[in-house]
Amino acid sequence: MKVLLALQVLVVLLAVLFLWSYVPFRDCARARLRAVKGAIARRVRRRRRTLALRHAEPLLKEAEEVFPRVAGGRVPPGNGLTPEWIVRWWHAAQIQIPASVLMFGLVAAIVWNAERLFMGDPQPVNSGQEMPNPWRSVAERVVGIPRAVEAWNGSADAFEGLRGVLVLLVAGILIPLAFRIMAVVSQRPEQRERKAQQRKLRARHANDYWRCWPVVVLVLTAVECAREYKQLETAAPGDDVPRVSLRAVERILWQAPRTRRGRARVHQERATKVHIARVVGALRAAEAQQDSDPKQALQDLTVLLLTIAERYAEGKVSKLLDEDQIGDVEPAAHREHLRVVAVGGVVVVTMTGAALAGLPEAALSALLPIVVIVAIVLLYQEKGPTPSQLRDLVIPR
C-alpha cells in the first residue's frame, strides 16, 4: 500500500513537471494565478477601505457638526486633505496595530528569556563540560584587538600593517571615484525613470500609521475645543471653565518634520525647527487665554489646529501657520534632552532600588530591558495613540 502511494505521488510530480515545462500551459497557469491574486488583492483593499471609512465616520461626522459653528469660515482654504488623512490612518492601523501587538509579544518573550539568550544555558550539575557562550567569545575577540596590535614585533607583522594602510589609501581614492561615476550614470533617462518608479512604490507602501497620526491628534484636539465651546454656550454663570490641554499636540508637532518628510539637510532642519517653535508658542499663547476669555481662546485654538492639520497634510511643515496667525509670540523651547536624562534617571533609580531590595542577578538581568521599555513608552507617548485618544476615535462624546 505504501509503495503504491509513493508511486502515485511520483507520477503526480512528474506530470506537474511535464506540464509546467509545456510553455502554453505554463503561461495559462501564470495568467490564472495573476488573475486570482489580483481578485483577492482587490477584495482585501475594498474591505480595508470600507472598514477605514466606517471607523473614521464618527469623528468626521462630529467634526462636520461642531466646526462650522466655532470656526465660522476663519480657517484658510486648502485642498481638503484632512478627512482623507484620517481615513488613511485607520486604513494603516488595521495592519499596524496587530503587528505592534505581535511585536510586543515577541519583545516580552525575549525579555522573559533574557538570561538564557544572553547569558547562555545553565550547565547541568552532573556535567563537567562548560557550554561556550557565543556572545562572550565575540566580546573576547573585540577586546583582544588592542593586544593583537601590541604583539607586532617582527618584519612580517609590520609588512601586514603597511599593507592594510595601503588598502585604506586605495579605498579612499576609489570609493569617491565610484560615487562620481554612479552620479553620472544615474542621470541617464532610463535610470531616472527607474528611480521615479521606485519613489512611487515607496510612497504607495509608506507607513501611514505614523505619518497620518499627527493629523488625527490635531483633529481630535480641535473637536475637543469645539465641544467645550458648545458647552460654554449653555453653561450657567459660575460653572467651571473648561480647559483643553495641548500637550499631545506639542509633542507631535516637534516630531512633525521627521514624520512628514523624513530627514533633510542641516540648514533646512534648523529653519523648520525655528518655525515649529514659533507655532508651538502661538498655541501656548492661545491656550493661556482660556482663563481670561475662554470662548475666544477655544475659537482661536480650533482655527489654529485645523490650519496646522491641513498644512501638515499638504506637506508644508515650514509653513504650518501664517505670520499673522503666529504674531510676535515668544518661540517655545524644545527640551528633548531632558526626557533623555529622565529615561536614564528612571532606569538608574529603579535598578538601584531593585539591587538594594536584594533581587537576584537573574531577576535584575530580566528587569533591566523591561524598565527601559516602560520608561521610553511613558516619556515618548507621541509615538502612538494613548488609550483616551483611541477611545475618542471609536466613541466620540
Foldseek 3Di string as FASTA:
>chain_A
DVVVVVVVVVVVVVVVVVQCVPVVSVVVVVVVVVVVVVVVVVVVVVVLLVVLCVLQVVLVVLCVVQVCVQQVPVADDFDPCLSVLSSVLSSLCVPVVVVVVVVVVVVLVCLVCVCCQQVNDDDDPPDPDDDDDVVVVVVVVVVCPVVVVVPPDDPVSVVVVVVVVVVVVVCVVVVVVVVVVVVVVCPDPVNVVVVVVVVVVCVVPPRSNQLSVLSLVLSLLLSVLSVLLVVVVVDDPPDDQDAGDCPLNLLVLQVLVCSQPRDDDDVVVVLLNQQSQLLVQLLVVLRVCSVPDVSVSSSLSSSLSVQLSRCSSVVPSNPSDDDVSSDPGDGHDDPPVVLVVVLVVQLVVVLVVVVVVPDDPVVSSSVNVVSSVVSCCVSNVSSHDDPVSVCCSRPPD
